[in-house]
């Protein structure tokens, strides 16, 4: 377990480089946010993945931990904005890759979150890791018993249909995600 609170600057840098490689992320434009991430972490909380993306009109650092997703945006001159989504609130995660960049949608009980301008190579690994962490937390909460798997195609299609009906997904986005689920 890495101790983010007491690590040296060099140790933190090496750890963030290691984590960034997991999702093929370069954390573009979020170097100052990385310096503030240890302060945003709870004691013992472990970072699983980091990436940068556009959220709420700015470039944010998005960090997946074993407990939540943390959004950090350090202002140019002053201020630090922080938002979080507890993993237990997440109902689904989807990604869409374009030619160069991609998007990640996180649907949670407290809202729908769209992260834009994510490096294409980071979209699928990050979305998969979020799903894995959500499932791991669910399993941990019930003493390690296995819950209904997130890999159930019917459940995923039902969620997609709901998002289409609510206008969150366009018909084209729905068709693309449906094809991925069905493997066609």
N, C-alpha and C. Protein backbone atom coordinates (compact mmCIF):
# COMPACT_ATOMS: atom_id res chain seq x y z
N UNK A 1 0.85 -1.17 0.00
CA UNK A 1 0.00 0.00 0.00
C UNK A 1 0.89 1.24 0.00
N UNK A 2 0.68 2.12 -0.96
CA UNK A 2 1.49 3.33 -1.08
C UNK A 2 0.95 4.41 -0.14
N UNK A 3 1.84 5.09 0.56
CA UNK A 3 1.46 6.14 1.50
C UNK A 3 1.59 7.50 0.81
N UNK A 4 0.51 7.97 0.20
CA UNK A 4 0.51 9.23 -0.54
C UNK A 4 0.74 10.43 0.36
N UNK A 5 0.29 10.34 1.59
CA UNK A 5 0.37 11.48 2.52
C UNK A 5 1.79 11.76 2.97
N UNK A 6 2.61 10.72 3.08
CA UNK A 6 3.96 10.90 3.62
C UNK A 6 5.08 10.65 2.60
N UNK A 7 4.72 10.42 1.36
CA UNK A 7 5.73 10.16 0.33
C UNK A 7 6.45 11.44 -0.06
N UNK A 8 7.70 11.30 -0.47
CA UNK A 8 8.47 12.44 -0.95
C UNK A 8 7.95 12.85 -2.33
N UNK A 9 8.37 14.00 -2.79
CA UNK A 9 7.95 14.49 -4.11
C UNK A 9 8.40 13.53 -5.21
N UNK A 10 9.63 13.01 -5.09
CA UNK A 10 10.14 12.06 -6.09
C UNK A 10 9.37 10.75 -6.07
N UNK A 11 9.04 10.26 -4.87
CA UNK A 11 8.25 9.03 -4.75
C UNK A 11 6.86 9.21 -5.36
N UNK A 12 6.24 10.36 -5.09
CA UNK A 12 4.92 10.64 -5.67
C UNK A 12 4.99 10.70 -7.19
N UNK A 13 6.02 11.35 -7.69
CA UNK A 13 6.17 11.47 -9.14
C UNK A 13 6.30 10.08 -9.78
N UNK A 14 7.11 9.23 -9.20
CA UNK A 14 7.30 7.88 -9.72
C UNK A 14 6.00 7.08 -9.64
N UNK A 15 5.28 7.21 -8.54
CA UNK A 15 4.02 6.48 -8.38
C UNK A 15 2.97 6.95 -9.39
N UNK A 16 2.88 8.26 -9.61
CA UNK A 16 1.90 8.78 -10.58
C UNK A 16 2.28 8.38 -12.00
N UNK A 17 3.56 8.30 -12.30
CA UNK A 17 3.98 7.82 -13.62
C UNK A 17 3.59 6.35 -13.81
N UNK A 18 3.76 5.57 -12.75
CA UNK A 18 3.37 4.15 -12.81
C UNK A 18 1.87 4.02 -13.03
N UNK A 19 1.09 4.78 -12.29
CA UNK A 19 -0.37 4.72 -12.39
C UNK A 19 -0.85 5.22 -13.75
N UNK A 20 -0.23 6.27 -14.26
CA UNK A 20 -0.63 6.83 -15.55
C UNK A 20 -0.47 5.81 -16.67
N UNK A 21 0.54 4.97 -16.57
CA UNK A 21 0.78 3.95 -17.60
C UNK A 21 -0.34 2.92 -17.65
N UNK A 22 -1.00 2.69 -16.54
CA UNK A 22 -2.06 1.69 -16.48
C UNK A 22 -3.18 2.02 -17.46
N UNK A 23 -3.51 3.31 -17.57
CA UNK A 23 -4.59 3.74 -18.49
C UNK A 23 -4.04 4.48 -19.69
N UNK A 24 -2.77 4.32 -19.99
CA UNK A 24 -2.16 5.01 -21.13
C UNK A 24 -2.39 6.52 -21.07
N UNK A 25 -2.34 7.08 -19.87
CA UNK A 25 -2.63 8.49 -19.67
C UNK A 25 -1.35 9.29 -19.50
N UNK A 26 -1.34 10.48 -20.08
CA UNK A 26 -0.20 11.37 -19.85
C UNK A 26 -0.56 12.48 -18.87
N UNK A 27 -1.80 12.49 -18.38
CA UNK A 27 -2.30 13.51 -17.44
C UNK A 27 -2.03 14.90 -17.97
N UNK A 28 -2.20 15.09 -19.28
CA UNK A 28 -1.95 16.36 -19.95
C UNK A 28 -2.69 17.51 -19.26
N UNK A 29 -1.94 18.56 -18.94
CA UNK A 29 -2.52 19.78 -18.38
C UNK A 29 -2.96 19.67 -16.94
N UNK A 30 -2.50 18.63 -16.24
CA UNK A 30 -2.96 18.46 -14.85
C UNK A 30 -1.80 18.26 -13.87
N UNK A 31 -0.64 18.78 -14.19
CA UNK A 31 0.52 18.59 -13.32
C UNK A 31 0.31 19.23 -11.95
N UNK A 32 -0.29 20.44 -11.93
CA UNK A 32 -0.49 21.10 -10.63
C UNK A 32 -1.57 20.41 -9.80
N UNK A 33 -2.55 19.78 -10.48
CA UNK A 33 -3.57 19.03 -9.75
C UNK A 33 -2.98 17.78 -9.10
N UNK A 34 -2.02 17.14 -9.80
CA UNK A 34 -1.37 15.97 -9.23
C UNK A 34 -0.70 16.28 -7.89
N UNK A 35 -0.15 17.49 -7.77
CA UNK A 35 0.50 17.88 -6.52
C UNK A 35 -0.50 17.99 -5.38
N UNK A 36 -1.76 18.27 -5.70
CA UNK A 36 -2.79 18.43 -4.67
C UNK A 36 -3.56 17.14 -4.38
N UNK A 37 -3.39 16.13 -5.22
CA UNK A 37 -4.13 14.89 -5.04
C UNK A 37 -3.90 14.23 -3.67
N UNK A 38 -2.66 14.13 -3.16
CA UNK A 38 -2.50 13.50 -1.84
C UNK A 38 -3.34 14.16 -0.74
N UNK A 39 -3.52 15.47 -0.82
CA UNK A 39 -4.34 16.16 0.19
C UNK A 39 -5.81 15.82 0.06
N UNK A 40 -6.25 15.44 -1.13
CA UNK A 40 -7.65 15.10 -1.35
C UNK A 40 -7.97 13.67 -0.95
N UNK A 41 -6.94 12.85 -0.78
CA UNK A 41 -7.15 11.44 -0.46
C UNK A 41 -7.45 11.24 1.02
N UNK A 42 -8.29 10.26 1.31
CA UNK A 42 -8.55 9.85 2.68
C UNK A 42 -7.39 8.98 3.15
N UNK A 43 -7.22 8.84 4.44
CA UNK A 43 -6.15 8.00 4.97
C UNK A 43 -6.32 6.58 4.44
N UNK A 44 -5.25 6.04 3.85
CA UNK A 44 -5.26 4.68 3.33
C UNK A 44 -5.90 4.51 1.96
N UNK A 45 -6.50 5.56 1.43
CA UNK A 45 -7.14 5.47 0.11
C UNK A 45 -6.06 5.29 -0.96
N UNK A 46 -6.30 4.37 -1.89
CA UNK A 46 -5.32 4.04 -2.91
C UNK A 46 -5.78 4.47 -4.30
N UNK A 47 -4.89 5.15 -5.03
CA UNK A 47 -5.18 5.59 -6.40
C UNK A 47 -4.96 4.40 -7.33
N UNK A 48 -5.95 4.15 -8.18
CA UNK A 48 -5.89 3.04 -9.12
C UNK A 48 -5.59 3.50 -10.54
N UNK A 49 -6.05 4.71 -10.90
CA UNK A 49 -5.84 5.23 -12.26
C UNK A 49 -6.01 6.75 -12.24
N UNK A 50 -5.33 7.43 -13.16
CA UNK A 50 -5.49 8.87 -13.34
C UNK A 50 -5.55 9.18 -14.83
N UNK A 51 -6.29 10.23 -15.15
CA UNK A 51 -6.31 10.75 -16.51
C UNK A 51 -6.74 12.19 -16.47
N UNK A 52 -6.62 12.86 -17.60
CA UNK A 52 -7.10 14.24 -17.68
C UNK A 52 -8.21 14.29 -18.71
N UNK A 53 -9.12 15.23 -18.48
CA UNK A 53 -10.24 15.40 -19.40
C UNK A 53 -10.97 16.69 -19.11
N UNK A 54 -11.82 17.06 -20.05
CA UNK A 54 -12.63 18.27 -19.89
C UNK A 54 -13.89 17.92 -19.11
N UNK A 55 -14.13 18.69 -18.06
CA UNK A 55 -15.31 18.52 -17.22
C UNK A 55 -15.71 19.90 -16.75
N UNK A 56 -16.96 20.23 -16.90
CA UNK A 56 -17.45 21.53 -16.43
C UNK A 56 -16.67 22.69 -17.06
N UNK A 57 -16.26 22.52 -18.32
CA UNK A 57 -15.61 23.59 -19.07
C UNK A 57 -14.12 23.78 -18.84
N UNK A 58 -13.51 22.96 -18.00
CA UNK A 58 -12.08 23.08 -17.70
C UNK A 58 -11.41 21.72 -17.81
N UNK A 59 -10.07 21.74 -17.86
CA UNK A 59 -9.30 20.50 -17.83
C UNK A 59 -9.13 20.09 -16.38
N UNK A 60 -9.57 18.88 -16.07
CA UNK A 60 -9.52 18.37 -14.70
C UNK A 60 -8.65 17.11 -14.66
N UNK A 61 -8.08 16.86 -13.49
CA UNK A 61 -7.47 15.59 -13.20
C UNK A 61 -8.58 14.69 -12.67
N UNK A 62 -8.72 13.51 -13.22
CA UNK A 62 -9.71 12.56 -12.75
C UNK A 62 -8.94 11.37 -12.20
N UNK A 63 -9.13 11.10 -10.91
CA UNK A 63 -8.42 10.02 -10.24
C UNK A 63 -9.42 8.98 -9.75
N UNK A 64 -9.20 7.75 -10.15
CA UNK A 64 -9.99 6.63 -9.66
C UNK A 64 -9.26 6.04 -8.46
N UNK A 65 -9.95 5.91 -7.35
CA UNK A 65 -9.36 5.28 -6.17
C UNK A 65 -10.16 4.02 -5.85
N UNK A 66 -9.79 3.37 -4.78
CA UNK A 66 -10.52 2.18 -4.36
C UNK A 66 -11.86 2.52 -3.70
N UNK A 67 -12.15 3.82 -3.50
CA UNK A 67 -13.39 4.25 -2.86
C UNK A 67 -14.25 5.19 -3.69
N UNK A 68 -13.62 5.96 -4.58
CA UNK A 68 -14.36 7.01 -5.28
C UNK A 68 -13.60 7.48 -6.51
N UNK A 69 -14.24 8.37 -7.26
CA UNK A 69 -13.58 9.08 -8.34
C UNK A 69 -13.46 10.52 -7.87
N UNK A 70 -12.25 11.06 -7.96
CA UNK A 70 -11.98 12.42 -7.51
C UNK A 70 -11.68 13.28 -8.74
N UNK A 71 -12.35 14.42 -8.84
CA UNK A 71 -12.11 15.41 -9.89
C UNK A 71 -11.40 16.59 -9.23
N UNK A 72 -10.25 17.01 -9.77
CA UNK A 72 -9.51 18.15 -9.24
C UNK A 72 -9.21 19.14 -10.36
N UNK A 73 -9.44 20.43 -10.09
CA UNK A 73 -9.11 21.49 -11.03
C UNK A 73 -8.47 22.63 -10.26
N UNK A 74 -7.19 22.83 -10.49
CA UNK A 74 -6.45 23.93 -9.85
C UNK A 74 -6.51 25.12 -10.76
N UNK A 75 -7.02 26.23 -10.25
CA UNK A 75 -7.13 27.45 -11.02
C UNK A 75 -5.76 27.97 -11.45
N UNK A 76 -5.76 28.83 -12.46
CA UNK A 76 -4.50 29.38 -12.98
C UNK A 76 -3.73 30.14 -11.90
N UNK A 77 -4.43 30.95 -11.13
CA UNK A 77 -3.75 31.76 -10.13
C UNK A 77 -4.05 31.31 -8.70
N UNK A 78 -5.28 30.90 -8.46
CA UNK A 78 -5.65 30.52 -7.10
C UNK A 78 -6.86 29.58 -7.15
N UNK A 79 -7.10 28.96 -6.04
CA UNK A 79 -8.28 28.12 -5.91
C UNK A 79 -8.09 26.70 -6.39
N UNK A 80 -8.82 25.82 -5.76
CA UNK A 80 -8.82 24.42 -6.13
C UNK A 80 -10.26 23.93 -6.06
N UNK A 81 -10.76 23.44 -7.18
CA UNK A 81 -12.10 22.87 -7.21
C UNK A 81 -11.97 21.36 -7.08
N UNK A 82 -12.88 20.78 -6.30
CA UNK A 82 -12.86 19.34 -6.11
C UNK A 82 -14.28 18.81 -6.14
N UNK A 83 -14.47 17.70 -6.81
CA UNK A 83 -15.75 17.00 -6.81
C UNK A 83 -15.45 15.52 -6.68
N UNK A 84 -16.38 14.76 -6.12
CA UNK A 84 -16.17 13.33 -5.97
C UNK A 84 -17.45 12.57 -6.29
N UNK A 85 -17.27 11.33 -6.70
CA UNK A 85 -18.37 10.39 -6.87
C UNK A 85 -17.97 9.13 -6.12
N UNK A 86 -18.72 8.78 -5.09
CA UNK A 86 -18.45 7.54 -4.38
C UNK A 86 -18.74 6.37 -5.31
N UNK A 87 -17.90 5.35 -5.30
CA UNK A 87 -18.08 4.21 -6.19
C UNK A 87 -19.42 3.51 -5.96
N UNK A 88 -19.91 3.52 -4.73
CA UNK A 88 -21.18 2.86 -4.45
C UNK A 88 -22.37 3.58 -5.10
N UNK A 89 -22.17 4.82 -5.55
CA UNK A 89 -23.23 5.57 -6.23
C UNK A 89 -23.26 5.33 -7.73
N UNK A 90 -22.23 4.70 -8.28
CA UNK A 90 -22.11 4.53 -9.73
C UNK A 90 -22.96 3.35 -10.20
N UNK A 91 -23.81 3.64 -11.19
CA UNK A 91 -24.65 2.57 -11.76
C UNK A 91 -24.08 2.06 -13.08
N UNK A 92 -23.42 2.93 -13.85
CA UNK A 92 -22.82 2.48 -15.10
C UNK A 92 -21.73 3.44 -15.55
N UNK A 93 -20.84 2.91 -16.38
CA UNK A 93 -19.76 3.69 -16.98
C UNK A 93 -19.66 3.28 -18.43
N UNK A 94 -19.58 4.26 -19.30
CA UNK A 94 -19.45 3.97 -20.73
C UNK A 94 -18.39 4.87 -21.33
N UNK A 95 -17.78 4.40 -22.39
CA UNK A 95 -16.79 5.19 -23.09
C UNK A 95 -17.07 5.22 -24.57
N UNK A 96 -16.62 6.28 -25.19
CA UNK A 96 -16.75 6.43 -26.64
C UNK A 96 -15.43 7.00 -27.15
N UNK A 97 -14.85 6.34 -28.14
CA UNK A 97 -13.60 6.80 -28.71
C UNK A 97 -13.83 7.38 -30.10
N UNK A 98 -13.22 8.52 -30.35
CA UNK A 98 -13.25 9.13 -31.67
C UNK A 98 -11.93 8.87 -32.37
N UNK A 99 -11.63 9.71 -33.35
CA UNK A 99 -10.38 9.55 -34.09
C UNK A 99 -9.16 9.76 -33.20
N UNK A 100 -9.20 10.80 -32.35
CA UNK A 100 -8.05 11.13 -31.52
C UNK A 100 -8.42 11.13 -30.04
N UNK A 101 -9.58 11.68 -29.73
CA UNK A 101 -10.01 11.82 -28.34
C UNK A 101 -11.26 10.98 -28.10
N UNK A 102 -11.64 10.89 -26.83
CA UNK A 102 -12.82 10.13 -26.48
C UNK A 102 -13.57 10.79 -25.34
N UNK A 103 -14.64 10.13 -24.93
CA UNK A 103 -15.49 10.62 -23.85
C UNK A 103 -15.79 9.46 -22.92
N UNK A 104 -16.02 9.79 -21.66
CA UNK A 104 -16.44 8.81 -20.67
C UNK A 104 -17.67 9.36 -19.98
N UNK A 105 -18.71 8.51 -19.89
CA UNK A 105 -19.93 8.87 -19.17
C UNK A 105 -20.01 8.03 -17.91
N UNK A 106 -20.28 8.71 -16.81
CA UNK A 106 -20.46 8.03 -15.53
C UNK A 106 -21.87 8.36 -15.05
N UNK A 107 -22.67 7.32 -14.88
CA UNK A 107 -24.03 7.50 -14.39
C UNK A 107 -24.05 7.06 -12.94
N UNK A 108 -24.52 7.97 -12.07
CA UNK A 108 -24.52 7.71 -10.64
C UNK A 108 -25.84 8.20 -10.05
N UNK A 109 -26.08 7.81 -8.82
CA UNK A 109 -27.32 8.23 -8.16
C UNK A 109 -27.38 9.74 -7.97
N UNK A 110 -26.24 10.40 -7.94
CA UNK A 110 -26.22 11.85 -7.75
C UNK A 110 -26.04 12.62 -9.06
N UNK A 111 -26.22 11.96 -10.21
CA UNK A 111 -26.17 12.67 -11.49
C UNK A 111 -25.45 11.90 -12.57
N UNK A 112 -25.39 12.52 -13.73
CA UNK A 112 -24.71 11.97 -14.89
C UNK A 112 -23.51 12.86 -15.19
N UNK A 113 -22.35 12.28 -15.37
CA UNK A 113 -21.12 13.03 -15.55
C UNK A 113 -20.49 12.65 -16.88
N UNK A 114 -20.16 13.66 -17.66
CA UNK A 114 -19.54 13.45 -18.97
C UNK A 114 -18.16 14.08 -18.96
N UNK A 115 -17.15 13.25 -19.20
CA UNK A 115 -15.77 13.72 -19.26
C UNK A 115 -15.38 13.69 -20.73
N UNK A 116 -15.02 14.84 -21.27
CA UNK A 116 -14.69 14.96 -22.68
C UNK A 116 -13.19 15.15 -22.86
N UNK A 117 -12.76 15.06 -24.10
CA UNK A 117 -11.34 15.28 -24.47
C UNK A 117 -10.39 14.40 -23.69
N UNK A 118 -10.79 13.14 -23.55
CA UNK A 118 -9.94 12.14 -22.90
C UNK A 118 -9.12 11.48 -24.01
N UNK A 119 -7.85 11.23 -23.75
CA UNK A 119 -7.01 10.55 -24.73
C UNK A 119 -7.69 9.24 -25.14
N UNK A 120 -7.79 9.03 -26.43
CA UNK A 120 -8.48 7.85 -26.97
C UNK A 120 -7.99 6.55 -26.32
N UNK A 121 -6.69 6.44 -26.13
CA UNK A 121 -6.10 5.21 -25.58
C UNK A 121 -6.43 5.01 -24.10
N UNK A 122 -6.97 6.04 -23.44
CA UNK A 122 -7.28 5.95 -22.01
C UNK A 122 -8.74 5.60 -21.75
N UNK A 123 -9.61 5.78 -22.74
CA UNK A 123 -11.05 5.65 -22.52
C UNK A 123 -11.42 4.25 -22.03
N UNK A 124 -11.14 3.23 -22.81
CA UNK A 124 -11.56 1.87 -22.44
C UNK A 124 -10.88 1.36 -21.17
N UNK A 125 -9.56 1.54 -21.01
CA UNK A 125 -8.94 1.05 -19.77
C UNK A 125 -9.51 1.72 -18.52
N UNK A 126 -9.77 3.04 -18.60
CA UNK A 126 -10.29 3.74 -17.42
C UNK A 126 -11.71 3.27 -17.12
N UNK A 127 -12.57 3.19 -18.14
CA UNK A 127 -13.95 2.75 -17.93
C UNK A 127 -13.98 1.34 -17.34
N UNK A 128 -13.14 0.46 -17.85
CA UNK A 128 -13.08 -0.91 -17.34
C UNK A 128 -12.62 -0.92 -15.89
N UNK A 129 -11.63 -0.12 -15.56
CA UNK A 129 -11.14 -0.08 -14.19
C UNK A 129 -12.20 0.45 -13.23
N UNK A 130 -12.98 1.44 -13.66
CA UNK A 130 -14.06 1.95 -12.81
C UNK A 130 -15.05 0.81 -12.55
N UNK A 131 -15.44 0.10 -13.60
CA UNK A 131 -16.38 -1.01 -13.43
C UNK A 131 -15.82 -2.07 -12.47
N UNK A 132 -14.54 -2.37 -12.61
CA UNK A 132 -13.91 -3.36 -11.74
C UNK A 132 -13.88 -2.89 -10.28
N UNK A 133 -13.59 -1.62 -10.07
CA UNK A 133 -13.54 -1.10 -8.70
C UNK A 133 -14.94 -1.06 -8.07
N UNK A 134 -15.95 -0.70 -8.87
CA UNK A 134 -17.33 -0.70 -8.37
C UNK A 134 -17.70 -2.12 -7.96
N UNK A 135 -17.40 -3.10 -8.80
CA UNK A 135 -17.73 -4.49 -8.49
C UNK A 135 -16.95 -4.98 -7.28
N UNK A 136 -15.68 -4.62 -7.18
CA UNK A 136 -14.87 -5.04 -6.03
C UNK A 136 -15.44 -4.47 -4.74
N UNK A 137 -15.91 -3.24 -4.77
CA UNK A 137 -16.50 -2.62 -3.59
C UNK A 137 -17.81 -3.32 -3.22
N UNK A 138 -18.62 -3.66 -4.23
CA UNK A 138 -19.86 -4.40 -3.96
C UNK A 138 -19.55 -5.75 -3.34
N UNK A 139 -18.58 -6.44 -3.90
CA UNK A 139 -18.21 -7.76 -3.37
C UNK A 139 -17.68 -7.66 -1.96
N UNK A 140 -16.90 -6.64 -1.70
CA UNK A 140 -16.33 -6.42 -0.37
C UNK A 140 -17.43 -6.15 0.64
N UNK A 141 -18.45 -5.41 0.21
CA UNK A 141 -19.56 -5.04 1.09
C UNK A 141 -20.42 -6.22 1.50
N UNK A 142 -20.37 -7.31 0.76
CA UNK A 142 -21.18 -8.48 1.10
C UNK A 142 -20.28 -9.66 1.47
N UNK A 143 -19.18 -9.36 2.07
CA UNK A 143 -18.29 -10.40 2.57
C UNK A 143 -17.63 -11.24 1.49
N UNK A 144 -17.44 -10.63 0.31
CA UNK A 144 -16.76 -11.33 -0.76
C UNK A 144 -17.67 -12.16 -1.64
N UNK A 145 -18.97 -12.20 -1.33
CA UNK A 145 -19.90 -12.95 -2.18
C UNK A 145 -20.01 -12.25 -3.52
N UNK A 146 -20.21 -13.02 -4.56
CA UNK A 146 -20.28 -12.45 -5.89
C UNK A 146 -21.69 -11.95 -6.17
N UNK A 147 -21.82 -10.69 -6.55
CA UNK A 147 -23.10 -10.12 -6.95
C UNK A 147 -23.36 -10.42 -8.41
N UNK A 148 -24.49 -9.96 -8.93
CA UNK A 148 -24.79 -10.12 -10.35
C UNK A 148 -23.67 -9.48 -11.14
N UNK A 149 -23.06 -10.17 -12.07
CA UNK A 149 -21.92 -9.62 -12.78
C UNK A 149 -22.28 -8.44 -13.67
N UNK A 150 -21.36 -7.47 -13.74
CA UNK A 150 -21.53 -6.33 -14.63
C UNK A 150 -21.40 -6.76 -16.08
N UNK A 151 -20.98 -8.00 -16.30
CA UNK A 151 -20.77 -8.46 -17.67
C UNK A 151 -22.06 -8.99 -18.30
N UNK A 152 -23.19 -8.91 -17.59
CA UNK A 152 -24.48 -9.38 -18.12
C UNK A 152 -24.92 -8.50 -19.28
N UNK A 153 -24.92 -9.02 -20.51
CA UNK A 153 -25.26 -8.21 -21.68
C UNK A 153 -26.68 -7.64 -21.62
N UNK A 154 -27.62 -8.40 -21.10
CA UNK A 154 -29.00 -7.93 -21.03
C UNK A 154 -29.12 -6.71 -20.12
N UNK A 155 -28.46 -6.76 -18.96
CA UNK A 155 -28.50 -5.63 -18.03
C UNK A 155 -27.86 -4.39 -18.67
N UNK A 156 -26.77 -4.59 -19.39
CA UNK A 156 -26.11 -3.46 -20.05
C UNK A 156 -27.01 -2.86 -21.12
N UNK A 157 -27.69 -3.72 -21.89
CA UNK A 157 -28.59 -3.22 -22.94
C UNK A 157 -29.78 -2.46 -22.33
N UNK A 158 -30.27 -2.94 -21.21
CA UNK A 158 -31.37 -2.24 -20.53
C UNK A 158 -30.92 -0.86 -20.07
N UNK A 159 -29.70 -0.76 -19.52
CA UNK A 159 -29.17 0.54 -19.10
C UNK A 159 -29.01 1.47 -20.30
N UNK A 160 -28.51 0.93 -21.40
CA UNK A 160 -28.36 1.74 -22.61
C UNK A 160 -29.71 2.26 -23.09
N UNK A 161 -30.72 1.40 -23.07
CA UNK A 161 -32.06 1.81 -23.49
C UNK A 161 -32.59 2.95 -22.63
N UNK A 162 -32.36 2.85 -21.33
CA UNK A 162 -32.78 3.92 -20.42
C UNK A 162 -32.09 5.24 -20.76
N UNK A 163 -30.79 5.17 -21.04
CA UNK A 163 -30.04 6.38 -21.37
C UNK A 163 -30.51 6.98 -22.69
N UNK A 164 -30.87 6.12 -23.64
CA UNK A 164 -31.41 6.60 -24.92
C UNK A 164 -32.76 7.28 -24.70
N UNK A 165 -33.62 6.65 -23.92
CA UNK A 165 -34.94 7.20 -23.65
C UNK A 165 -34.86 8.55 -22.92
N UNK A 166 -33.88 8.71 -22.06
CA UNK A 166 -33.71 9.95 -21.30
C UNK A 166 -33.01 11.03 -22.11
N UNK A 167 -32.54 10.68 -23.30
CA UNK A 167 -31.86 11.65 -24.15
C UNK A 167 -30.40 11.84 -23.83
N UNK A 168 -29.85 11.01 -22.96
CA UNK A 168 -28.44 11.12 -22.59
C UNK A 168 -27.56 10.62 -23.72
N UNK A 169 -28.03 9.58 -24.42
CA UNK A 169 -27.32 9.05 -25.58
C UNK A 169 -28.10 9.38 -26.85
N UNK A 170 -27.36 9.64 -27.91
CA UNK A 170 -27.98 9.81 -29.22
C UNK A 170 -28.23 8.41 -29.80
N UNK A 171 -29.09 8.28 -30.80
CA UNK A 171 -29.29 6.97 -31.42
C UNK A 171 -28.00 6.36 -31.96
N UNK A 172 -27.10 7.21 -32.49
CA UNK A 172 -25.83 6.71 -33.01
C UNK A 172 -24.95 6.17 -31.88
N UNK A 173 -24.90 6.90 -30.75
CA UNK A 173 -24.10 6.44 -29.61
C UNK A 173 -24.69 5.14 -29.05
N UNK A 174 -26.02 5.06 -29.00
CA UNK A 174 -26.68 3.85 -28.54
C UNK A 174 -26.29 2.66 -29.42
N UNK A 175 -26.36 2.85 -30.74
CA UNK A 175 -26.05 1.78 -31.68
C UNK A 175 -24.59 1.33 -31.52
N UNK A 176 -23.69 2.28 -31.32
CA UNK A 176 -22.27 1.95 -31.19
C UNK A 176 -22.03 1.12 -29.92
N UNK A 177 -22.63 1.56 -28.79
CA UNK A 177 -22.45 0.84 -27.53
C UNK A 177 -23.12 -0.53 -27.58
N UNK A 178 -24.28 -0.60 -28.23
CA UNK A 178 -24.99 -1.87 -28.36
C UNK A 178 -24.14 -2.87 -29.16
N UNK A 179 -23.52 -2.39 -30.22
CA UNK A 179 -22.66 -3.26 -31.03
C UNK A 179 -21.49 -3.78 -30.20
N UNK A 180 -20.92 -2.94 -29.36
CA UNK A 180 -19.81 -3.36 -28.51
C UNK A 180 -20.25 -4.46 -27.55
N UNK A 181 -21.43 -4.27 -26.95
CA UNK A 181 -21.93 -5.24 -25.98
C UNK A 181 -22.21 -6.58 -26.65
N UNK A 182 -22.81 -6.52 -27.82
CA UNK A 182 -23.17 -7.75 -28.53
C UNK A 182 -22.00 -8.36 -29.29
N UNK A 183 -20.89 -7.63 -29.32
CA UNK A 183 -19.69 -8.13 -29.98
C UNK A 183 -19.78 -8.18 -31.48
N UNK A 184 -20.61 -7.29 -32.04
CA UNK A 184 -20.74 -7.28 -33.51
C UNK A 184 -20.14 -6.07 -34.11
